[in-house]
Amino acid sequence: MLSKRQKSNAMSAARRHDTDTGSPEAQVALLTKKIAELSAHLKKNTKDFHSRRGLLQMVADRRKHLRYLERKDVKAYDALIKKLGLKK
């Protein structure tokens, strides 16, 4: 679970403005941080299948946000992918 400070740090790099929490960029940044933390947890606890299901849901949600962003604004999509180091 992420603390408030970790959440704000994760979203601060991808925000559109200071109070932005709902844009696709901010959501993807937050989901990426959560996915990384949960992946580390699952490496230690390989039989935690409930958390694994949550991880798969987060990955699917992030993928949906990225697809939406790619359809709406390709430049913002490319910048976000590069900034978070996801692919390409």
N, C-alpha and C. Protein backbone atom coordinates (compact mmCIF):
# COMPACT_ATOMS: atom_id res chain seq x y z
N MET A 1 0.84 -1.17 0.00
CA MET A 1 0.00 0.00 0.00
C MET A 1 0.89 1.24 0.00
N LEU A 2 0.52 2.19 -0.81
CA LEU A 2 1.31 3.41 -0.94
C LEU A 2 0.87 4.45 0.07
N SER A 3 1.82 5.17 0.61
CA SER A 3 1.49 6.28 1.51
C SER A 3 1.11 7.49 0.67
N LYS A 4 0.57 8.51 1.33
CA LYS A 4 0.18 9.73 0.62
C LYS A 4 1.37 10.37 -0.07
N ARG A 5 2.51 10.36 0.59
CA ARG A 5 3.72 10.96 0.01
C ARG A 5 4.15 10.21 -1.24
N GLN A 6 4.11 8.87 -1.19
CA GLN A 6 4.49 8.08 -2.34
C GLN A 6 3.54 8.31 -3.51
N LYS A 7 2.24 8.42 -3.20
CA LYS A 7 1.26 8.69 -4.26
C LYS A 7 1.50 10.04 -4.91
N SER A 8 1.73 11.05 -4.08
CA SER A 8 1.94 12.39 -4.64
C SER A 8 3.23 12.46 -5.43
N ASN A 9 4.27 11.77 -4.99
CA ASN A 9 5.53 11.74 -5.74
C ASN A 9 5.36 11.03 -7.08
N ALA A 10 4.57 9.95 -7.08
CA ALA A 10 4.37 9.20 -8.32
C ALA A 10 3.59 10.03 -9.33
N MET A 11 2.58 10.75 -8.86
CA MET A 11 1.74 11.52 -9.78
C MET A 11 2.35 12.86 -10.16
N SER A 12 3.24 13.39 -9.34
CA SER A 12 3.78 14.73 -9.61
C SER A 12 4.55 14.79 -10.93
N ALA A 13 5.15 13.71 -11.32
CA ALA A 13 5.93 13.70 -12.56
C ALA A 13 5.05 13.72 -13.81
N ALA A 14 3.81 13.26 -13.68
CA ALA A 14 2.98 13.11 -14.87
C ALA A 14 1.74 13.99 -14.88
N ARG A 15 1.61 14.87 -13.91
CA ARG A 15 0.40 15.70 -13.82
C ARG A 15 0.33 16.73 -14.93
N ARG A 16 -0.90 17.13 -15.25
CA ARG A 16 -1.12 18.21 -16.20
C ARG A 16 -1.04 19.56 -15.50
N HIS A 17 -1.49 19.61 -14.25
CA HIS A 17 -1.42 20.82 -13.43
C HIS A 17 -1.27 20.42 -11.98
N ASP A 18 -1.14 21.36 -11.07
CA ASP A 18 -0.80 21.08 -9.68
C ASP A 18 -1.81 20.21 -8.94
N THR A 19 -3.09 20.39 -9.20
CA THR A 19 -4.10 19.63 -8.45
C THR A 19 -4.67 18.48 -9.27
N ASP A 20 -3.99 18.07 -10.32
CA ASP A 20 -4.47 17.01 -11.20
C ASP A 20 -4.32 15.64 -10.54
N THR A 21 -5.43 14.92 -10.43
CA THR A 21 -5.37 13.55 -9.93
C THR A 21 -6.13 12.58 -10.83
N GLY A 22 -6.89 13.09 -11.79
CA GLY A 22 -7.75 12.22 -12.57
C GLY A 22 -7.37 12.06 -14.02
N SER A 23 -6.38 12.77 -14.49
CA SER A 23 -6.00 12.64 -15.90
C SER A 23 -5.41 11.25 -16.14
N PRO A 24 -5.48 10.77 -17.38
CA PRO A 24 -4.90 9.46 -17.68
C PRO A 24 -3.41 9.38 -17.34
N GLU A 25 -2.69 10.48 -17.54
CA GLU A 25 -1.26 10.48 -17.23
C GLU A 25 -1.02 10.24 -15.75
N ALA A 26 -1.78 10.93 -14.90
CA ALA A 26 -1.63 10.78 -13.45
C ALA A 26 -2.04 9.39 -13.00
N GLN A 27 -3.12 8.87 -13.57
CA GLN A 27 -3.59 7.54 -13.21
C GLN A 27 -2.58 6.46 -13.60
N VAL A 28 -2.00 6.59 -14.78
CA VAL A 28 -1.02 5.61 -15.24
C VAL A 28 0.22 5.65 -14.36
N ALA A 29 0.66 6.84 -13.98
CA ALA A 29 1.84 6.97 -13.12
C ALA A 29 1.58 6.31 -11.76
N LEU A 30 0.40 6.53 -11.20
CA LEU A 30 0.06 5.93 -9.92
C LEU A 30 -0.05 4.41 -10.03
N LEU A 31 -0.70 3.93 -11.07
CA LEU A 31 -0.82 2.49 -11.26
C LEU A 31 0.54 1.83 -11.47
N THR A 32 1.43 2.52 -12.17
CA THR A 32 2.77 1.97 -12.39
C THR A 32 3.51 1.81 -11.08
N LYS A 33 3.40 2.78 -10.20
CA LYS A 33 4.04 2.69 -8.88
C LYS A 33 3.44 1.55 -8.06
N LYS A 34 2.11 1.42 -8.09
CA LYS A 34 1.44 0.34 -7.35
C LYS A 34 1.84 -1.03 -7.90
N ILE A 35 1.92 -1.13 -9.22
CA ILE A 35 2.28 -2.39 -9.86
C ILE A 35 3.70 -2.79 -9.47
N ALA A 36 4.60 -1.84 -9.46
CA ALA A 36 5.99 -2.14 -9.08
C ALA A 36 6.07 -2.63 -7.64
N GLU A 37 5.33 -1.98 -6.75
CA GLU A 37 5.35 -2.38 -5.35
C GLU A 37 4.74 -3.77 -5.15
N LEU A 38 3.64 -4.03 -5.82
CA LEU A 38 2.98 -5.32 -5.68
C LEU A 38 3.80 -6.43 -6.32
N SER A 39 4.50 -6.13 -7.39
CA SER A 39 5.37 -7.13 -8.03
C SER A 39 6.49 -7.55 -7.08
N ALA A 40 7.05 -6.58 -6.37
CA ALA A 40 8.10 -6.90 -5.39
C ALA A 40 7.53 -7.77 -4.28
N HIS A 41 6.31 -7.48 -3.85
CA HIS A 41 5.66 -8.28 -2.80
C HIS A 41 5.46 -9.72 -3.28
N LEU A 42 5.04 -9.87 -4.53
CA LEU A 42 4.75 -11.21 -5.04
C LEU A 42 6.01 -12.03 -5.30
N LYS A 43 7.15 -11.37 -5.47
CA LYS A 43 8.40 -12.12 -5.61
C LYS A 43 8.76 -12.81 -4.30
N LYS A 44 8.41 -12.17 -3.18
CA LYS A 44 8.68 -12.77 -1.86
C LYS A 44 7.59 -13.76 -1.47
N ASN A 45 6.34 -13.46 -1.84
CA ASN A 45 5.20 -14.27 -1.43
C ASN A 45 4.55 -14.87 -2.67
N THR A 46 5.13 -15.95 -3.14
CA THR A 46 4.71 -16.52 -4.42
C THR A 46 3.33 -17.15 -4.38
N LYS A 47 2.82 -17.50 -3.22
CA LYS A 47 1.52 -18.16 -3.14
C LYS A 47 0.38 -17.20 -2.78
N ASP A 48 0.64 -15.93 -2.84
CA ASP A 48 -0.39 -14.92 -2.53
C ASP A 48 -1.22 -14.67 -3.78
N PHE A 49 -2.18 -15.55 -4.02
CA PHE A 49 -2.95 -15.51 -5.26
C PHE A 49 -3.97 -14.38 -5.27
N HIS A 50 -4.44 -13.94 -4.12
CA HIS A 50 -5.38 -12.84 -4.07
C HIS A 50 -4.70 -11.54 -4.52
N SER A 51 -3.49 -11.33 -4.08
CA SER A 51 -2.75 -10.13 -4.51
C SER A 51 -2.39 -10.22 -5.98
N ARG A 52 -2.12 -11.42 -6.46
CA ARG A 52 -1.80 -11.61 -7.87
C ARG A 52 -2.99 -11.20 -8.74
N ARG A 53 -4.20 -11.52 -8.29
CA ARG A 53 -5.39 -11.13 -9.03
C ARG A 53 -5.52 -9.61 -9.06
N GLY A 54 -5.25 -8.98 -7.94
CA GLY A 54 -5.28 -7.52 -7.89
C GLY A 54 -4.25 -6.90 -8.82
N LEU A 55 -3.08 -7.52 -8.89
CA LEU A 55 -2.03 -7.05 -9.78
C LEU A 55 -2.49 -7.12 -11.24
N LEU A 56 -3.10 -8.23 -11.61
CA LEU A 56 -3.58 -8.39 -12.98
C LEU A 56 -4.66 -7.36 -13.31
N GLN A 57 -5.51 -7.04 -12.35
CA GLN A 57 -6.53 -6.02 -12.56
C GLN A 57 -5.90 -4.65 -12.76
N MET A 58 -4.87 -4.35 -11.97
CA MET A 58 -4.19 -3.06 -12.12
C MET A 58 -3.49 -2.95 -13.47
N VAL A 59 -2.87 -4.04 -13.91
CA VAL A 59 -2.20 -4.04 -15.21
C VAL A 59 -3.22 -3.81 -16.32
N ALA A 60 -4.37 -4.46 -16.23
CA ALA A 60 -5.42 -4.28 -17.23
C ALA A 60 -5.95 -2.85 -17.22
N ASP A 61 -6.12 -2.28 -16.04
CA ASP A 61 -6.60 -0.90 -15.91
C ASP A 61 -5.60 0.08 -16.51
N ARG A 62 -4.31 -0.13 -16.23
CA ARG A 62 -3.27 0.73 -16.79
C ARG A 62 -3.26 0.63 -18.31
N ARG A 63 -3.43 -0.58 -18.83
CA ARG A 63 -3.45 -0.78 -20.27
C ARG A 63 -4.62 -0.03 -20.91
N LYS A 64 -5.78 -0.04 -20.25
CA LYS A 64 -6.94 0.69 -20.76
C LYS A 64 -6.69 2.19 -20.79
N HIS A 65 -6.10 2.70 -19.71
CA HIS A 65 -5.78 4.14 -19.66
C HIS A 65 -4.78 4.51 -20.75
N LEU A 66 -3.79 3.65 -20.97
CA LEU A 66 -2.79 3.94 -22.00
C LEU A 66 -3.40 3.90 -23.40
N ARG A 67 -4.31 2.95 -23.64
CA ARG A 67 -4.97 2.89 -24.94
C ARG A 67 -5.80 4.14 -25.19
N TYR A 68 -6.51 4.57 -24.15
CA TYR A 68 -7.31 5.79 -24.25
C TYR A 68 -6.43 6.99 -24.58
N LEU A 69 -5.34 7.13 -23.83
CA LEU A 69 -4.44 8.25 -24.03
C LEU A 69 -3.82 8.22 -25.43
N GLU A 70 -3.48 7.04 -25.91
CA GLU A 70 -2.90 6.92 -27.25
C GLU A 70 -3.91 7.35 -28.32
N ARG A 71 -5.18 7.01 -28.12
CA ARG A 71 -6.22 7.43 -29.08
C ARG A 71 -6.43 8.93 -29.07
N LYS A 72 -6.39 9.55 -27.87
CA LYS A 72 -6.73 10.96 -27.73
C LYS A 72 -5.56 11.90 -28.01
N ASP A 73 -4.36 11.54 -27.52
CA ASP A 73 -3.21 12.44 -27.63
C ASP A 73 -1.93 11.63 -27.75
N VAL A 74 -1.48 11.42 -28.96
CA VAL A 74 -0.32 10.56 -29.21
C VAL A 74 0.96 11.16 -28.62
N LYS A 75 1.10 12.47 -28.69
CA LYS A 75 2.31 13.11 -28.15
C LYS A 75 2.40 12.92 -26.64
N ALA A 76 1.28 13.10 -25.94
CA ALA A 76 1.27 12.90 -24.49
C ALA A 76 1.54 11.44 -24.15
N TYR A 77 1.01 10.54 -24.96
CA TYR A 77 1.23 9.10 -24.77
C TYR A 77 2.72 8.78 -24.88
N ASP A 78 3.35 9.25 -25.94
CA ASP A 78 4.77 8.97 -26.16
C ASP A 78 5.63 9.56 -25.04
N ALA A 79 5.29 10.77 -24.61
CA ALA A 79 6.04 11.40 -23.53
C ALA A 79 5.90 10.62 -22.23
N LEU A 80 4.69 10.16 -21.94
CA LEU A 80 4.45 9.41 -20.70
C LEU A 80 5.18 8.07 -20.72
N ILE A 81 5.12 7.39 -21.84
CA ILE A 81 5.81 6.09 -21.96
C ILE A 81 7.30 6.26 -21.74
N LYS A 82 7.86 7.30 -22.34
CA LYS A 82 9.29 7.56 -22.19
C LYS A 82 9.64 7.93 -20.75
N LYS A 83 8.79 8.76 -20.13
CA LYS A 83 9.03 9.23 -18.77
C LYS A 83 8.96 8.08 -17.76
N LEU A 84 8.00 7.18 -17.94
CA LEU A 84 7.84 6.06 -17.00
C LEU A 84 8.68 4.85 -17.38
N GLY A 85 9.22 4.84 -18.60
CA GLY A 85 10.05 3.74 -19.03
C GLY A 85 9.28 2.45 -19.21
N LEU A 86 8.07 2.52 -19.74
CA LEU A 86 7.24 1.32 -19.88
C LEU A 86 7.61 0.48 -21.09
N LYS A 87 7.69 1.09 -22.26
CA LYS A 87 8.07 0.34 -23.46
C LYS A 87 8.59 1.32 -24.50
N LYS A 88 8.99 0.82 -25.60
CA LYS A 88 9.55 1.56 -26.72
C LYS A 88 10.95 1.98 -26.50
